[in-house]
PDB file of N, CA and C in Angstrom:
ATOM      1  N   MET A   1     -18.959 -31.284  -5.451  1.00  0.00           N
ATOM      2  CA  MET A   1     -18.067 -32.422  -5.339  1.00  0.00           C
ATOM      3  C   MET A   1     -16.737 -31.955  -4.747  1.00  0.00           C
ATOM      4  N   MET A   2     -16.210 -32.732  -3.829  1.00  0.00           N
ATOM      5  CA  MET A   2     -14.962 -32.407  -3.164  1.00  0.00           C
ATOM      6  C   MET A   2     -13.804 -32.969  -3.983  1.00  0.00           C
ATOM      7  N   ASN A   3     -12.901 -32.090  -4.400  1.00  0.00           N
ATOM      8  CA  ASN A   3     -11.725 -32.559  -5.113  1.00  0.00           C
ATOM      9  C   ASN A   3     -10.480 -32.086  -4.375  1.00  0.00           C
ATOM     10  N   GLU A   4      -9.319 -32.476  -4.872  1.00  0.00           N
ATOM     11  CA  GLU A   4      -8.063 -32.171  -4.184  1.00  0.00           C
ATOM     12  C   GLU A   4      -7.826 -30.668  -4.049  1.00  0.00           C
ATOM     13  N   ALA A   5      -8.173 -29.900  -5.081  1.00  0.00           N
ATOM     14  CA  ALA A   5      -8.000 -28.446  -5.023  1.00  0.00           C
ATOM     15  C   ALA A   5      -8.868 -27.847  -3.923  1.00  0.00           C
ATOM     16  N   ASN A   6     -10.106 -28.329  -3.798  1.00  0.00           N
ATOM     17  CA  ASN A   6     -10.990 -27.845  -2.742  1.00  0.00           C
ATOM     18  C   ASN A   6     -10.451 -28.199  -1.363  1.00  0.00           C
ATOM     19  N   ILE A   7      -9.955 -29.404  -1.219  1.00  0.00           N
ATOM     20  CA  ILE A   7      -9.399 -29.840   0.060  1.00  0.00           C
ATOM     21  C   ILE A   7      -8.186 -28.994   0.423  1.00  0.00           C
ATOM     22  N   ASP A   8      -7.335 -28.715  -0.547  1.00  0.00           N
ATOM     23  CA  ASP A   8      -6.161 -27.865  -0.288  1.00  0.00           C
ATOM     24  C   ASP A   8      -6.587 -26.472   0.161  1.00  0.00           C
ATOM     25  N   LYS A   9      -7.609 -25.923  -0.473  1.00  0.00           N
ATOM     26  CA  LYS A   9      -8.101 -24.592  -0.107  1.00  0.00           C
ATOM     27  C   LYS A   9      -8.673 -24.608   1.312  1.00  0.00           C
ATOM     28  N   ILE A  10      -9.446 -25.622   1.627  1.00  0.00           N
ATOM     29  CA  ILE A  10     -10.035 -25.745   2.958  1.00  0.00           C
ATOM     30  C   ILE A  10      -8.941 -25.896   4.017  1.00  0.00           C
ATOM     31  N   MET A  11      -7.930 -26.677   3.720  1.00  0.00           N
ATOM     32  CA  MET A  11      -6.823 -26.852   4.664  1.00  0.00           C
ATOM     33  C   MET A  11      -6.068 -25.540   4.879  1.00  0.00           C
ATOM     34  N   GLN A  12      -5.927 -24.737   3.836  1.00  0.00           N
ATOM     35  CA  GLN A  12      -5.274 -23.436   3.974  1.00  0.00           C
ATOM     36  C   GLN A  12      -6.106 -22.514   4.856  1.00  0.00           C
ATOM     37  N   TRP A  13      -7.423 -22.517   4.668  1.00  0.00           N
ATOM     38  CA  TRP A  13      -8.308 -21.720   5.533  1.00  0.00           C
ATOM     39  C   TRP A  13      -8.154 -22.156   6.984  1.00  0.00           C
ATOM     40  N   TYR A  14      -8.125 -23.477   7.198  1.00  0.00           N
ATOM     41  CA  TYR A  14      -7.978 -24.017   8.550  1.00  0.00           C
ATOM     42  C   TYR A  14      -6.656 -23.581   9.173  1.00  0.00           C
ATOM     43  N   ASP A  15      -5.579 -23.720   8.416  1.00  0.00           N
ATOM     44  CA  ASP A  15      -4.257 -23.323   8.924  1.00  0.00           C
ATOM     45  C   ASP A  15      -4.225 -21.838   9.269  1.00  0.00           C
ATOM     46  N   ASN A  16      -4.779 -21.009   8.405  1.00  0.00           N
ATOM     47  CA  ASN A  16      -4.810 -19.571   8.655  1.00  0.00           C
ATOM     48  C   ASN A  16      -5.647 -19.243   9.896  1.00  0.00           C
ATOM     49  N   PHE A  17      -6.802 -19.885  10.013  1.00  0.00           N
ATOM     50  CA  PHE A  17      -7.664 -19.646  11.169  1.00  0.00           C
ATOM     51  C   PHE A  17      -6.979 -20.064  12.463  1.00  0.00           C
ATOM     52  N   THR A  18      -6.374 -21.256  12.479  1.00  0.00           N
ATOM     53  CA  THR A  18      -5.744 -21.723  13.706  1.00  0.00           C
ATOM     54  C   THR A  18      -4.535 -20.869  14.082  1.00  0.00           C
ATOM     55  N   GLU A  19      -3.833 -20.309  13.105  1.00  0.00           N
ATOM     56  CA  GLU A  19      -2.717 -19.406  13.423  1.00  0.00           C
ATOM     57  C   GLU A  19      -3.233 -18.148  14.117  1.00  0.00           C
ATOM     58  N   ILE A  20      -4.351 -17.616  13.675  1.00  0.00           N
ATOM     59  CA  ILE A  20      -4.943 -16.440  14.320  1.00  0.00           C
ATOM     60  C   ILE A  20      -5.358 -16.782  15.754  1.00  0.00           C
ATOM     61  N   VAL A  21      -5.956 -17.946  15.947  1.00  0.00           N
ATOM     62  CA  VAL A  21      -6.368 -18.370  17.288  1.00  0.00           C
ATOM     63  C   VAL A  21      -5.141 -18.584  18.175  1.00  0.00           C
ATOM     64  N   ARG A  22      -4.063 -19.135  17.614  1.00  0.00           N
ATOM     65  CA  ARG A  22      -2.824 -19.318  18.393  1.00  0.00           C
ATOM     66  C   ARG A  22      -2.296 -17.968  18.897  1.00  0.00           C
ATOM     67  N   ARG A  23      -2.336 -16.948  18.031  1.00  0.00           N
ATOM     68  CA  ARG A  23      -1.851 -15.625  18.432  1.00  0.00           C
ATOM     69  C   ARG A  23      -2.669 -15.065  19.585  1.00  0.00           C
ATOM     70  N   ILE A  24      -3.979 -15.295  19.552  1.00  0.00           N
ATOM     71  CA  ILE A  24      -4.838 -14.818  20.640  1.00  0.00           C
ATOM     72  C   ILE A  24      -4.461 -15.500  21.950  1.00  0.00           C
ATOM     73  N   SER A  25      -4.080 -16.763  21.885  1.00  0.00           N
ATOM     74  CA  SER A  25      -3.806 -17.532  23.101  1.00  0.00           C
ATOM     75  C   SER A  25      -2.404 -17.320  23.671  1.00  0.00           C
ATOM     76  N   LEU A  26      -1.550 -16.586  22.962  1.00  0.00           N
ATOM     77  CA  LEU A  26      -0.215 -16.295  23.483  1.00  0.00           C
ATOM     78  C   LEU A  26      -0.317 -15.368  24.691  1.00  0.00           C
ATOM     79  N   SER A  27       0.711 -15.411  25.528  1.00  0.00           N
ATOM     80  CA  SER A  27       0.757 -14.449  26.640  1.00  0.00           C
ATOM     81  C   SER A  27       0.946 -13.047  26.067  1.00  0.00           C
ATOM     82  N   ALA A  28       0.658 -12.051  26.868  1.00  0.00           N
ATOM     83  CA  ALA A  28       0.813 -10.666  26.417  1.00  0.00           C
ATOM     84  C   ALA A  28       2.247 -10.398  25.959  1.00  0.00           C
ATOM     85  N   GLU A  29       3.214 -10.925  26.691  1.00  0.00           N
ATOM     86  CA  GLU A  29       4.612 -10.714  26.336  1.00  0.00           C
ATOM     87  C   GLU A  29       4.939 -11.336  24.976  1.00  0.00           C
ATOM     88  N   GLU A  30       4.427 -12.548  24.746  1.00  0.00           N
ATOM     89  CA  GLU A  30       4.663 -13.220  23.461  1.00  0.00           C
ATOM     90  C   GLU A  30       3.971 -12.483  22.320  1.00  0.00           C
ATOM     91  N   GLN A  31       2.779 -11.985  22.574  1.00  0.00           N
ATOM     92  CA  GLN A  31       2.064 -11.221  21.548  1.00  0.00           C
ATOM     93  C   GLN A  31       2.844  -9.968  21.163  1.00  0.00           C
ATOM     94  N   ILE A  32       3.371  -9.285  22.153  1.00  0.00           N
ATOM     95  CA  ILE A  32       4.136  -8.066  21.893  1.00  0.00           C
ATOM     96  C   ILE A  32       5.376  -8.383  21.066  1.00  0.00           C
ATOM     97  N   LEU A  33       6.074  -9.453  21.418  1.00  0.00           N
ATOM     98  CA  LEU A  33       7.268  -9.837  20.657  1.00  0.00           C
ATOM     99  C   LEU A  33       6.919 -10.240  19.229  1.00  0.00           C
ATOM    100  N   LYS A  34       5.861 -11.023  19.066  1.00  0.00           N
ATOM    101  CA  LYS A  34       5.485 -11.516  17.745  1.00  0.00           C
ATOM    102  C   LYS A  34       5.004 -10.391  16.830  1.00  0.00           C
ATOM    103  N   LEU A  35       4.326  -9.416  17.388  1.00  0.00           N
ATOM    104  CA  LEU A  35       3.735  -8.340  16.589  1.00  0.00           C
ATOM    105  C   LEU A  35       4.438  -7.007  16.821  1.00  0.00           C
ATOM    106  N   LYS A  36       5.709  -7.060  17.133  1.00  0.00           N
ATOM    107  CA  LYS A  36       6.497  -5.859  17.413  1.00  0.00           C
ATOM    108  C   LYS A  36       6.342  -4.839  16.281  1.00  0.00           C
ATOM    109  N   GLY A  37       6.151  -3.596  16.666  1.00  0.00           N
ATOM    110  CA  GLY A  37       6.008  -2.532  15.684  1.00  0.00           C
ATOM    111  C   GLY A  37       4.570  -2.274  15.262  1.00  0.00           C
ATOM    112  N   THR A  38       3.621  -2.981  15.864  1.00  0.00           N
ATOM    113  CA  THR A  38       2.207  -2.765  15.543  1.00  0.00           C
ATOM    114  C   THR A  38       1.456  -2.435  16.828  1.00  0.00           C
ATOM    115  N   MET A  39       0.237  -1.988  16.672  1.00  0.00           N
ATOM    116  CA  MET A  39      -0.657  -1.821  17.813  1.00  0.00           C
ATOM    117  C   MET A  39      -1.193  -3.223  18.117  1.00  0.00           C
ATOM    118  N   VAL A  40      -0.560  -3.903  19.033  1.00  0.00           N
ATOM    119  CA  VAL A  40      -0.785  -5.330  19.260  1.00  0.00           C
ATOM    120  C   VAL A  40      -2.252  -5.668  19.474  1.00  0.00           C
ATOM    121  N   THR A  41      -2.918  -5.002  20.386  1.00  0.00           N
ATOM    122  CA  THR A  41      -4.314  -5.364  20.668  1.00  0.00           C
ATOM    123  C   THR A  41      -5.201  -5.118  19.451  1.00  0.00           C
ATOM    124  N   ASP A  42      -4.966  -4.010  18.761  1.00  0.00           N
ATOM    125  CA  ASP A  42      -5.755  -3.733  17.552  1.00  0.00           C
ATOM    126  C   ASP A  42      -5.483  -4.773  16.480  1.00  0.00           C
ATOM    127  N   GLU A  43      -4.235  -5.136  16.302  1.00  0.00           N
ATOM    128  CA  GLU A  43      -3.851  -6.114  15.275  1.00  0.00           C
ATOM    129  C   GLU A  43      -4.503  -7.468  15.540  1.00  0.00           C
ATOM    130  N   ILE A  44      -4.425  -7.921  16.773  1.00  0.00           N
ATOM    131  CA  ILE A  44      -4.998  -9.225  17.130  1.00  0.00           C
ATOM    132  C   ILE A  44      -6.515  -9.196  17.007  1.00  0.00           C
ATOM    133  N   ALA A  45      -7.144  -8.140  17.506  1.00  0.00           N
ATOM    134  CA  ALA A  45      -8.603  -8.039  17.426  1.00  0.00           C
ATOM    135  C   ALA A  45      -9.071  -7.971  15.981  1.00  0.00           C
ATOM    136  N   THR A  46      -8.393  -7.180  15.168  1.00  0.00           N
ATOM    137  CA  THR A  46      -8.770  -7.055  13.755  1.00  0.00           C
ATOM    138  C   THR A  46      -8.566  -8.365  13.021  1.00  0.00           C
ATOM    139  N   ASP A  47      -7.427  -9.024  13.257  1.00  0.00           N
ATOM    140  CA  ASP A  47      -7.182 -10.314  12.610  1.00  0.00           C
ATOM    141  C   ASP A  47      -8.299 -11.296  12.930  1.00  0.00           C
ATOM    142  N   PHE A  48      -8.693 -11.337  14.204  1.00  0.00           N
ATOM    143  CA  PHE A  48      -9.724 -12.298  14.582  1.00  0.00           C
ATOM    144  C   PHE A  48     -11.084 -11.911  14.021  1.00  0.00           C
ATOM    145  N   SER A  49     -11.496 -10.658  14.227  1.00  0.00           N
ATOM    146  CA  SER A  49     -12.852 -10.271  13.853  1.00  0.00           C
ATOM    147  C   SER A  49     -13.050 -10.163  12.347  1.00  0.00           C
ATOM    148  N   GLU A  50     -12.058  -9.679  11.638  1.00  0.00           N
ATOM    149  CA  GLU A  50     -12.228  -9.462  10.204  1.00  0.00           C
ATOM    150  C   GLU A  50     -11.713 -10.623   9.359  1.00  0.00           C
ATOM    151  N   VAL A  51     -10.629 -11.220   9.771  1.00  0.00           N
ATOM    152  CA  VAL A  51     -10.026 -12.279   8.960  1.00  0.00           C
ATOM    153  C   VAL A  51     -10.412 -13.659   9.499  1.00  0.00           C
ATOM    154  N   GLY A  52     -10.187 -13.858  10.785  1.00  0.00           N
ATOM    155  CA  GLY A  52     -10.451 -15.167  11.384  1.00  0.00           C
ATOM    156  C   GLY A  52     -11.900 -15.599  11.279  1.00  0.00           C
ATOM    157  N   MET A  53     -12.810 -14.671  11.523  1.00  0.00           N
ATOM    158  CA  MET A  53     -14.221 -15.030  11.443  1.00  0.00           C
ATOM    159  C   MET A  53     -14.637 -15.365  10.013  1.00  0.00           C
ATOM    160  N   ALA A  54     -14.025 -14.729   9.037  1.00  0.00           N
ATOM    161  CA  ALA A  54     -14.317 -15.068   7.633  1.00  0.00           C
ATOM    162  C   ALA A  54     -13.856 -16.493   7.332  1.00  0.00           C
ATOM    163  N   TYR A  55     -12.672 -16.855   7.817  1.00  0.00           N
ATOM    164  CA  TYR A  55     -12.201 -18.234   7.643  1.00  0.00           C
ATOM    165  C   TYR A  55     -13.121 -19.213   8.372  1.00  0.00           C
ATOM    166  N   ALA A  56     -13.524 -18.859   9.592  1.00  0.00           N
ATOM    167  CA  ALA A  56     -14.409 -19.733  10.361  1.00  0.00           C
ATOM    168  C   ALA A  56     -15.727 -19.957   9.622  1.00  0.00           C
ATOM    169  N   GLN A  57     -16.272 -18.910   9.036  1.00  0.00           N
ATOM    170  CA  GLN A  57     -17.525 -19.036   8.290  1.00  0.00           C
ATOM    171  C   GLN A  57     -17.348 -19.942   7.078  1.00  0.00           C
ATOM    172  N   LYS A  58     -16.246 -19.786   6.359  1.00  0.00           N
ATOM    173  CA  LYS A  58     -15.974 -20.644   5.204  1.00  0.00           C
ATOM    174  C   LYS A  58     -15.870 -22.097   5.631  1.00  0.00           C
ATOM    175  N   LEU A  59     -15.157 -22.341   6.737  1.00  0.00           N
ATOM    176  CA  LEU A  59     -15.006 -23.709   7.231  1.00  0.00           C
ATOM    177  C   LEU A  59     -16.341 -24.286   7.673  1.00  0.00           C
ATOM    178  N   LEU A  60     -17.151 -23.480   8.333  1.00  0.00           N
ATOM    179  CA  LEU A  60     -18.485 -23.920   8.746  1.00  0.00           C
ATOM    180  C   LEU A  60     -19.336 -24.274   7.539  1.00  0.00           C
ATOM    181  N   ASN A  61     -19.275 -23.440   6.527  1.00  0.00           N
ATOM    182  CA  ASN A  61     -20.049 -23.699   5.312  1.00  0.00           C
ATOM    183  C   ASN A  61     -19.624 -24.982   4.601  1.00  0.00           C
ATOM    184  N   CYS A  62     -18.371 -25.364   4.774  1.00  0.00           N
ATOM    185  CA  CYS A  62     -17.867 -26.600   4.153  1.00  0.00           C
ATOM    186  C   CYS A  62     -18.158 -27.832   5.022  1.00  0.00           C
ATOM    187  N   GLY A  63     -18.643 -27.584   6.211  1.00  0.00           N
ATOM    188  CA  GLY A  63     -18.993 -28.687   7.085  1.00  0.00           C
ATOM    189  C   GLY A  63     -17.794 -29.242   7.799  1.00  0.00           C
TER     190      GLY A  63
END
């Protein structure tokens, strides 16, 4: 059964997933500025493959 707590959790997963996708779509210059002090390509790839895909799977499972 879908309740308000479940909807809030699903919305948080969605927000987190879309933020990761937004970072991927930034220009290289914007990515460097946003992730200053990190290995930008590794950070973005890891966020998407390890974190983003987990959120995507959860969202898919919820329909």
